[in-house]
Amino acid sequence: MPSSGWEDALTPDDRDFVTALASGLEVIQAFDEAHPRMTLSEVASRTGMNRARARRFLLTLHALGYVRKQQRHFELAPKVLNLGYAFLSANNYRSVIQQILEDITTECGESSSLGVLDGDDVTYVARSSSRHRLMAITLSVGTRLRAAHTSMGRVLLAQLPEAELDAFLARVVLEPHTDKTITDKAELKRCILEVRQQGYAIADQELDSGLRSVAVPAFDANGRLLGAINISTNAARVDFDTLMRQYLPLLQEKARQIRASVS
């Protein structure tokens, strides 16, 4: 089982934990597609802070250029993109993977993405989009989806050590998105253990009606986990047999290319 290669994270009670930094990042993350512009009261509500504390962080972020203010409303400024760009530029394998994702789209006509596990979510860090619209939301680099209900998420959860997987299952809330969504934790664990054994995951209309996807892990030449790559498609257009017989082998071949190309 590949390890994360990183030391255990600090807890908020640790003397080295900087609460102010954590709170500032929490304010940034409070903005999303459903909440692009918010008042001070809305930010305070979404972060669980009191108004005075939320105000200090918003005004500090505004002074640093990460937040824009217009009368009573706040929104993220383009400078926030620098934070994501720092991650992408520090990981020079992205250009290789981006080309491979585009090759997948060219070969099968479907969207393909690379995602990494970030807390209880999958964050999209590279993507090649097809002309087909798959979900009500627009999927793009930076999009976060619940790991429990996505093929990439389950592939990445299957890579976790047993204790970390159990901790995830203990805290996660499994909300029904469709009538196919797995909401029983024991069933989800069985599914993840099966993914661990077989080396791939399929999510069939669990997150969004009509969305069907398959994913495999992507490693570098040293066996370090880079993330998961997937092919996502519409269930009405691509049947399960095509997913298994054509798309899964294509993904597996591309994962081998990544391993051979990224050191």
Protein backbone atom coordinates (compact mmCIF):
# COMPACT_ATOMS: atom_id res chain seq x y z
CA MET A 1 0.00 0.00 0.00
CA PRO A 2 1.62 3.29 -1.03
CA SER A 3 2.04 5.75 1.81
CA SER A 4 1.44 9.45 1.57
CA GLY A 5 5.09 10.19 2.26
CA TRP A 6 4.18 13.12 4.52
CA GLU A 7 4.45 13.46 8.28
CA ASP A 8 1.30 13.46 10.41
CA ALA A 9 -0.50 16.82 10.44
CA LEU A 10 -0.61 19.08 13.48
CA THR A 11 -3.80 19.31 15.49
CA PRO A 12 -5.35 22.66 16.42
CA ASP A 13 -4.15 22.11 20.00
CA ASP A 14 -0.50 21.91 18.97
CA ARG A 15 1.69 24.86 20.00
CA ASP A 16 2.94 25.23 16.40
CA PHE A 17 -0.58 25.44 14.93
CA VAL A 18 -1.27 29.00 13.68
CA THR A 19 -4.97 29.53 14.26
CA ALA A 20 -5.09 32.88 12.47
CA LEU A 21 -3.67 31.37 9.28
CA ALA A 22 -6.15 28.50 9.44
CA SER A 23 -9.03 30.92 9.92
CA GLY A 24 -7.93 33.08 6.99
CA LEU A 25 -7.86 30.07 4.71
CA GLU A 26 -11.26 29.02 6.04
CA VAL A 27 -12.67 32.40 5.01
CA ILE A 28 -11.28 31.97 1.49
CA GLN A 29 -12.80 28.50 1.22
CA ALA A 30 -16.20 29.79 2.34
CA PHE A 31 -16.65 31.25 -1.16
CA ASP A 32 -17.77 28.75 -3.78
CA GLU A 33 -20.01 28.45 -6.82
CA ALA A 34 -23.15 28.76 -4.72
CA HIS A 35 -21.71 31.64 -2.65
CA PRO A 36 -19.58 33.82 -4.97
CA ARG A 37 -20.52 37.08 -3.20
CA MET A 38 -21.36 37.34 0.49
CA THR A 39 -22.00 39.87 3.18
CA LEU A 40 -20.03 39.90 6.41
CA SER A 41 -22.91 38.14 8.18
CA GLU A 42 -23.00 35.39 5.55
CA VAL A 43 -19.25 34.78 5.80
CA ALA A 44 -19.51 34.65 9.59
CA SER A 45 -22.36 32.16 9.35
CA ARG A 46 -20.57 29.88 6.86
CA THR A 47 -17.33 29.82 8.87
CA GLY A 48 -18.87 29.69 12.33
CA MET A 49 -17.00 32.84 13.36
CA ASN A 50 -18.44 35.85 15.12
CA ARG A 51 -18.87 38.97 13.03
CA ALA A 52 -15.90 40.81 14.54
CA ARG A 53 -13.51 37.96 13.82
CA ALA A 54 -14.82 37.39 10.29
CA ARG A 55 -14.56 41.14 9.62
CA ARG A 56 -10.88 41.24 10.62
CA PHE A 57 -10.00 38.37 8.30
CA LEU A 58 -12.01 39.75 5.39
CA LEU A 59 -10.42 43.19 5.72
CA THR A 60 -6.94 41.66 5.98
CA LEU A 61 -7.54 39.55 2.87
CA HIS A 62 -8.87 42.66 1.16
CA ALA A 63 -5.71 44.59 2.07
CA LEU A 64 -3.58 41.75 0.67
CA GLY A 65 -5.55 41.68 -2.58
CA TYR A 66 -7.19 38.26 -2.16
CA VAL A 67 -10.70 39.64 -1.57
CA ARG A 68 -12.64 42.43 -3.28
CA LYS A 69 -15.17 44.59 -1.41
CA GLN A 70 -18.11 46.43 -2.89
CA GLN A 71 -20.34 48.18 -0.36
CA ARG A 72 -21.69 45.38 1.88
CA HIS A 73 -20.50 42.47 -0.26
CA PHE A 74 -17.21 40.59 -0.49
CA GLU A 75 -15.94 38.30 -3.24
CA LEU A 76 -12.67 36.57 -4.07
CA ALA A 77 -10.18 38.52 -6.20
CA PRO A 78 -8.21 37.00 -9.10
CA LYS A 79 -5.08 36.99 -6.92
CA VAL A 80 -6.47 33.89 -5.19
CA LEU A 81 -5.59 31.98 -8.37
CA ASN A 82 -1.92 32.48 -7.48
CA LEU A 83 -2.39 30.03 -4.61
CA GLY A 84 -3.58 27.31 -6.95
CA TYR A 85 -0.98 28.17 -9.56
CA ALA A 86 1.77 27.68 -6.97
CA PHE A 87 0.62 24.08 -6.52
CA LEU A 88 0.42 23.43 -10.25
CA SER A 89 3.79 25.00 -11.05
CA ALA A 90 5.47 23.12 -8.19
CA ASN A 91 4.24 19.84 -9.68
CA ASN A 92 5.94 19.80 -13.07
CA TYR A 93 4.28 16.54 -14.05
CA ARG A 94 1.05 18.40 -14.78
CA SER A 95 1.92 19.18 -18.41
CA VAL A 96 2.59 15.49 -19.08
CA ILE A 97 -0.69 14.44 -17.51
CA GLN A 98 -2.63 17.21 -19.24
CA GLN A 99 -1.46 15.91 -22.60
CA ILE A 100 -2.43 12.36 -21.65
CA LEU A 101 -5.90 13.51 -20.55
CA GLU A 102 -6.33 15.30 -23.86
CA ASP A 103 -5.26 12.13 -25.67
CA ILE A 104 -7.97 10.23 -23.79
CA THR A 105 -10.60 12.74 -24.90
CA THR A 106 -9.37 12.52 -28.48
CA GLU A 107 -9.48 8.72 -28.47
CA CYS A 108 -12.88 8.18 -26.83
CA GLY A 109 -14.62 11.53 -27.13
CA GLU A 110 -15.26 11.82 -23.40
CA SER A 111 -14.03 14.08 -20.60
CA SER A 112 -11.05 12.98 -18.53
CA SER A 113 -9.63 14.41 -15.30
CA LEU A 114 -6.92 14.06 -12.68
CA GLY A 115 -8.07 14.45 -9.09
CA VAL A 116 -6.37 14.41 -5.70
CA LEU A 117 -7.80 13.74 -2.26
CA ASP A 118 -8.21 16.91 -0.23
CA GLY A 119 -9.83 16.23 3.10
CA ASP A 120 -13.08 14.41 2.38
CA ASP A 121 -13.28 15.78 -1.16
CA VAL A 122 -11.69 15.18 -4.54
CA THR A 123 -10.17 18.30 -6.05
CA TYR A 124 -9.75 18.47 -9.83
CA VAL A 125 -6.18 19.52 -10.68
CA ALA A 126 -6.17 18.79 -14.43
CA ARG A 127 -8.99 18.23 -16.89
CA SER A 128 -9.72 17.67 -20.56
CA SER A 129 -13.35 18.44 -21.38
CA SER A 130 -15.43 16.95 -24.16
CA ARG A 131 -18.23 18.83 -25.87
CA HIS A 132 -20.78 16.87 -23.84
CA ARG A 133 -22.13 18.54 -20.69
CA LEU A 134 -22.24 15.97 -17.91
CA MET A 135 -23.50 17.72 -14.78
CA ALA A 136 -25.56 20.71 -13.77
CA ILE A 137 -22.37 22.28 -12.36
CA THR A 138 -19.39 23.09 -14.55
CA LEU A 139 -16.45 20.79 -13.82
CA SER A 140 -13.08 22.53 -14.06
CA VAL A 141 -9.68 22.71 -12.38
CA GLY A 142 -10.37 23.53 -8.73
CA THR A 143 -13.79 21.86 -8.59
CA ARG A 144 -14.36 19.86 -5.40
CA LEU A 145 -16.69 16.86 -5.21
CA ARG A 146 -17.45 14.47 -2.38
CA ALA A 147 -14.93 11.63 -2.52
CA ALA A 148 -17.40 9.03 -1.24
CA HIS A 149 -19.63 9.28 -4.32
CA THR A 150 -17.08 9.61 -7.15
CA SER A 151 -14.94 7.06 -8.96
CA MET A 152 -11.76 9.12 -8.44
CA GLY A 153 -12.60 9.58 -4.79
CA ARG A 154 -13.03 5.87 -4.17
CA VAL A 155 -9.78 5.08 -5.97
CA LEU A 156 -7.97 7.54 -3.72
CA LEU A 157 -9.74 6.36 -0.57
CA ALA A 158 -8.66 2.81 -1.44
CA GLN A 159 -5.04 3.97 -1.24
CA LEU A 160 -5.40 5.13 2.37
CA PRO A 161 -3.98 3.10 5.25
CA GLU A 162 -6.69 1.21 7.12
CA ALA A 163 -6.75 3.59 10.09
CA GLU A 164 -7.18 6.65 7.86
CA LEU A 165 -9.93 4.96 5.88
CA ASP A 166 -11.79 4.05 9.07
CA ALA A 167 -11.42 7.62 10.34
CA PHE A 168 -12.88 8.92 7.08
CA LEU A 169 -15.83 6.54 7.31
CA ALA A 170 -16.43 7.51 10.93
CA ARG A 171 -16.76 11.22 10.18
CA VAL A 172 -18.23 11.36 6.68
CA VAL A 173 -21.90 12.14 6.15
CA LEU A 174 -23.33 10.16 3.24
CA GLU A 175 -26.05 12.26 1.65
CA PRO A 176 -28.32 10.75 -1.02
CA HIS A 177 -27.81 12.62 -4.31
CA THR A 178 -29.75 10.12 -6.44
CA ASP A 179 -31.61 6.87 -5.78
CA LYS A 180 -28.36 5.03 -6.60
CA THR A 181 -26.19 6.80 -4.01
CA ILE A 182 -24.58 4.52 -1.43
CA THR A 183 -25.56 5.91 1.96
CA ASP A 184 -24.69 2.93 4.17
CA LYS A 185 -21.14 3.18 5.56
CA ALA A 186 -20.61 -0.56 5.75
CA GLU A 187 -21.60 -0.91 2.11
CA LEU A 188 -19.31 1.97 1.14
CA LYS A 189 -16.38 0.34 2.92
CA ARG A 190 -17.03 -2.95 1.11
CA CYS A 191 -17.06 -1.01 -2.15
CA ILE A 192 -13.76 0.75 -1.36
CA LEU A 193 -12.08 -2.51 -0.33
CA GLU A 194 -13.20 -4.03 -3.62
CA VAL A 195 -11.70 -1.06 -5.45
CA ARG A 196 -8.44 -1.63 -3.56
CA GLN A 197 -8.38 -5.23 -4.71
CA GLN A 198 -9.36 -4.72 -8.36
CA GLY A 199 -7.45 -1.48 -8.97
CA TYR A 200 -10.27 0.61 -10.42
CA ALA A 201 -13.57 2.18 -9.42
CA ILE A 202 -16.86 2.81 -11.17
CA ALA A 203 -19.45 5.30 -9.97
CA ASP A 204 -22.74 4.81 -11.75
CA GLN A 205 -25.14 7.75 -11.34
CA GLU A 206 -24.51 8.13 -7.61
CA LEU A 207 -23.56 11.80 -7.60
CA ASP A 208 -25.71 12.99 -10.49
CA SER A 209 -28.39 11.23 -12.53
CA GLY A 210 -26.89 10.13 -15.84
CA LEU A 211 -23.26 10.60 -14.76
CA ARG A 212 -21.22 7.42 -15.13
CA SER A 213 -17.46 7.31 -14.59
CA VAL A 214 -14.51 4.96 -14.22
CA ALA A 215 -11.18 5.79 -12.54
CA VAL A 216 -7.78 4.26 -11.84
CA PRO A 217 -4.86 5.43 -9.68
CA ALA A 218 -1.93 7.26 -11.28
CA PHE A 219 1.58 6.71 -9.91
CA ASP A 220 4.97 8.10 -10.90
CA ALA A 221 8.01 5.96 -11.74
CA ASN A 222 8.91 5.74 -8.04
CA GLY A 223 5.49 4.45 -7.03
CA ARG A 224 4.36 7.75 -5.53
CA LEU A 225 0.61 8.35 -5.85
CA LEU A 226 -0.07 11.39 -8.05
CA GLY A 227 -3.84 11.13 -7.94
CA ALA A 228 -6.58 9.36 -9.84
CA ILE A 229 -7.51 9.70 -13.50
CA ASN A 230 -11.00 9.10 -14.82
CA ILE A 231 -13.26 9.05 -17.81
CA SER A 232 -16.72 10.47 -17.20
CA THR A 233 -19.65 10.07 -19.53
CA ASN A 234 -23.42 10.04 -19.85
CA ALA A 235 -25.15 6.77 -18.97
CA ALA A 236 -27.68 7.25 -21.76
CA ARG A 237 -24.91 7.49 -24.34
CA VAL A 238 -22.37 4.94 -23.05
CA ASP A 239 -23.49 1.62 -21.61
CA PHE A 240 -21.78 -0.24 -18.80
CA ASP A 241 -20.26 -2.80 -21.14
CA THR A 242 -18.51 -0.09 -23.17
CA LEU A 243 -17.22 1.45 -19.96
CA MET A 244 -15.65 -1.85 -18.93
CA ARG A 245 -14.42 -3.17 -22.28
CA GLN A 246 -13.20 0.04 -23.90
CA TYR A 247 -12.79 2.88 -21.43
CA LEU A 248 -11.23 0.97 -18.51
CA PRO A 249 -8.43 -0.58 -20.63
CA LEU A 250 -7.77 2.85 -22.18
CA LEU A 251 -7.43 4.41 -18.71
CA GLN A 252 -5.15 1.62 -17.53
CA GLU A 253 -2.90 2.10 -20.56
CA LYS A 254 -2.72 5.85 -19.93
CA ALA A 255 -1.88 5.23 -16.26
CA ARG A 256 1.05 3.09 -17.42
CA GLN A 257 2.15 5.95 -19.68
CA ILE A 258 2.08 8.33 -16.74
CA ARG A 259 4.19 5.96 -14.67
CA ALA A 260 6.70 5.66 -17.48
CA SER A 261 6.84 9.41 -18.11
CA VAL A 262 6.84 10.97 -14.63
CA SER A 263 9.75 10.44 -12.26
